[in-house]
């Protein structure tokens, strides 16, 4: 399902126009990105959590040049579904 399909489905269900619904969906996604960029997690009860996972520093190899690289410690975004969400999909 694409973002456009989600906007259309929500607009139909709630009875709002697509422009307003798109603005709400875009704003939600921007808030999640901003919150994660500030090293905070987003918890949506009954749906799931957008969390940051820390990746430790590691050594990698560039096989073509036969060199090693050090990849620094960094955060990656992840989604952890709530039990209700997980059971519904299961």
C-alpha atoms as a PDB file:
ATOM      1  CA  UNK A   1       0.000   0.000   0.000  1.00  0.00           C
ATOM      2  CA  UNK A   2       1.394   3.374  -0.990  1.00  0.00           C
ATOM      3  CA  UNK A   3       1.082   6.696   0.805  1.00  0.00           C
ATOM      4  CA  UNK A   4      -1.489   7.851  -1.763  1.00  0.00           C
ATOM      5  CA  UNK A   5      -3.609   4.744  -1.116  1.00  0.00           C
ATOM      6  CA  UNK A   6      -3.384   5.300   2.647  1.00  0.00           C
ATOM      7  CA  UNK A   7      -4.471   8.930   2.241  1.00  0.00           C
ATOM      8  CA  UNK A   8      -7.412   7.890   0.039  1.00  0.00           C
ATOM      9  CA  UNK A   9      -8.540   5.185   2.497  1.00  0.00           C
ATOM     10  CA  UNK A  10      -8.334   7.514   5.512  1.00  0.00           C
ATOM     11  CA  UNK A  11     -10.118  10.328   3.654  1.00  0.00           C
ATOM     12  CA  UNK A  12     -12.970   7.963   2.744  1.00  0.00           C
ATOM     13  CA  UNK A  13     -13.256   6.535   6.256  1.00  0.00           C
ATOM     14  CA  UNK A  14     -13.218   9.867   8.082  1.00  0.00           C
ATOM     15  CA  UNK A  15     -14.964  11.985   5.461  1.00  0.00           C
ATOM     16  CA  UNK A  16     -12.225  14.597   5.044  1.00  0.00           C
ATOM     17  CA  UNK A  17     -10.855  15.825   1.745  1.00  0.00           C
ATOM     18  CA  UNK A  18      -7.620  14.270   0.475  1.00  0.00           C
ATOM     19  CA  UNK A  19      -5.615  17.489   0.778  1.00  0.00           C
ATOM     20  CA  UNK A  20      -6.243  17.770   4.517  1.00  0.00           C
ATOM     21  CA  UNK A  21      -5.647  14.074   5.051  1.00  0.00           C
ATOM     22  CA  UNK A  22      -2.373  14.230   3.119  1.00  0.00           C
ATOM     23  CA  UNK A  23      -1.232  17.161   5.271  1.00  0.00           C
ATOM     24  CA  UNK A  24      -1.978  15.181   8.440  1.00  0.00           C
ATOM     25  CA  UNK A  25      -0.144  12.067   7.203  1.00  0.00           C
ATOM     26  CA  UNK A  26       2.861  14.133   6.064  1.00  0.00           C
ATOM     27  CA  UNK A  27       2.943  15.957   9.393  1.00  0.00           C
ATOM     28  CA  UNK A  28       2.833  12.647  11.299  1.00  0.00           C
ATOM     29  CA  UNK A  29       5.755  11.244   9.319  1.00  0.00           C
ATOM     30  CA  UNK A  30       7.742  14.464   9.799  1.00  0.00           C
ATOM     31  CA  UNK A  31       7.142  14.379  13.557  1.00  0.00           C
ATOM     32  CA  UNK A  32       8.354  10.769  13.752  1.00  0.00           C
ATOM     33  CA  UNK A  33      11.511  11.647  11.770  1.00  0.00           C
ATOM     34  CA  UNK A  34      12.214  14.734  13.883  1.00  0.00           C
ATOM     35  CA  UNK A  35      11.716  12.861  17.142  1.00  0.00           C
ATOM     36  CA  UNK A  36      14.020  10.021  16.087  1.00  0.00           C
ATOM     37  CA  UNK A  37      16.613  12.543  14.881  1.00  0.00           C
ATOM     38  CA  UNK A  38      16.570  14.007  18.412  1.00  0.00           C
ATOM     39  CA  UNK A  39      17.455  10.561  19.857  1.00  0.00           C
ATOM     40  CA  UNK A  40      13.959   9.966  21.245  1.00  0.00           C
ATOM     41  CA  UNK A  41      11.622   7.025  20.625  1.00  0.00           C
ATOM     42  CA  UNK A  42       7.993   7.266  19.475  1.00  0.00           C
ATOM     43  CA  UNK A  43       5.469   5.047  21.290  1.00  0.00           C
ATOM     44  CA  UNK A  44       2.014   4.458  19.790  1.00  0.00           C
ATOM     45  CA  UNK A  45       0.002   2.348  22.226  1.00  0.00           C
ATOM     46  CA  UNK A  46      -1.762  -0.547  20.484  1.00  0.00           C
ATOM     47  CA  UNK A  47       0.253  -0.066  17.283  1.00  0.00           C
ATOM     48  CA  UNK A  48       3.966  -0.166  18.007  1.00  0.00           C
ATOM     49  CA  UNK A  49       7.109   1.823  18.655  1.00  0.00           C
ATOM     50  CA  UNK A  50       9.544   3.596  16.386  1.00  0.00           C
ATOM     51  CA  UNK A  51      12.843   3.107  18.169  1.00  0.00           C
ATOM     52  CA  UNK A  52      16.529   3.759  17.618  1.00  0.00           C
ATOM     53  CA  UNK A  53      18.920   0.818  17.684  1.00  0.00           C
ATOM     54  CA  UNK A  54      22.619   1.378  18.265  1.00  0.00           C
ATOM     55  CA  UNK A  55      25.038  -0.316  15.921  1.00  0.00           C
ATOM     56  CA  UNK A  56      28.474  -0.839  17.428  1.00  0.00           C
ATOM     57  CA  UNK A  57      31.677   0.236  15.717  1.00  0.00           C
ATOM     58  CA  UNK A  58      32.999  -2.418  13.381  1.00  0.00           C
ATOM     59  CA  UNK A  59      35.759  -3.085  10.911  1.00  0.00           C
ATOM     60  CA  UNK A  60      34.818  -3.729   7.286  1.00  0.00           C
ATOM     61  CA  UNK A  61      36.866  -4.650   4.241  1.00  0.00           C
ATOM     62  CA  UNK A  62      36.925  -3.198   0.756  1.00  0.00           C
ATOM     63  CA  UNK A  63      37.794  -6.303  -1.240  1.00  0.00           C
ATOM     64  CA  UNK A  64      38.558  -4.505  -4.520  1.00  0.00           C
ATOM     65  CA  UNK A  65      41.197  -2.245  -2.945  1.00  0.00           C
ATOM     66  CA  UNK A  66      42.201  -4.720  -0.209  1.00  0.00           C
ATOM     67  CA  UNK A  67      41.803  -2.118   2.538  1.00  0.00           C
ATOM     68  CA  UNK A  68      40.001  -2.042   5.849  1.00  0.00           C
ATOM     69  CA  UNK A  69      37.518   0.600   6.938  1.00  0.00           C
ATOM     70  CA  UNK A  70      36.277   1.450  10.388  1.00  0.00           C
ATOM     71  CA  UNK A  71      32.537   2.022  10.445  1.00  0.00           C
ATOM     72  CA  UNK A  72      31.746   4.199  13.485  1.00  0.00           C
ATOM     73  CA  UNK A  73      28.999   3.531  16.007  1.00  0.00           C
ATOM     74  CA  UNK A  74      25.649   4.804  14.712  1.00  0.00           C
ATOM     75  CA  UNK A  75      21.888   4.641  15.257  1.00  0.00           C
ATOM     76  CA  UNK A  76      19.395   3.058  12.896  1.00  0.00           C
ATOM     77  CA  UNK A  77      15.617   3.477  13.029  1.00  0.00           C
ATOM     78  CA  UNK A  78      13.502   0.387  13.659  1.00  0.00           C
ATOM     79  CA  UNK A  79       9.850  -0.461  14.231  1.00  0.00           C
ATOM     80  CA  UNK A  80       8.732  -2.794  17.000  1.00  0.00           C
ATOM     81  CA  UNK A  81       5.058  -3.784  16.664  1.00  0.00           C
ATOM     82  CA  UNK A  82       2.806  -3.919  19.714  1.00  0.00           C
ATOM     83  CA  UNK A  83       1.469  -7.309  20.804  1.00  0.00           C
ATOM     84  CA  UNK A  84      -2.043  -6.416  19.596  1.00  0.00           C
ATOM     85  CA  UNK A  85      -0.648  -5.427  16.168  1.00  0.00           C
ATOM     86  CA  UNK A  86       1.544  -8.521  15.997  1.00  0.00           C
ATOM     87  CA  UNK A  87      -1.329 -10.871  16.875  1.00  0.00           C
ATOM     88  CA  UNK A  88      -3.667  -9.243  14.335  1.00  0.00           C
ATOM     89  CA  UNK A  89      -1.161  -9.714  11.507  1.00  0.00           C
ATOM     90  CA  UNK A  90      -0.180 -13.190  12.616  1.00  0.00           C
END
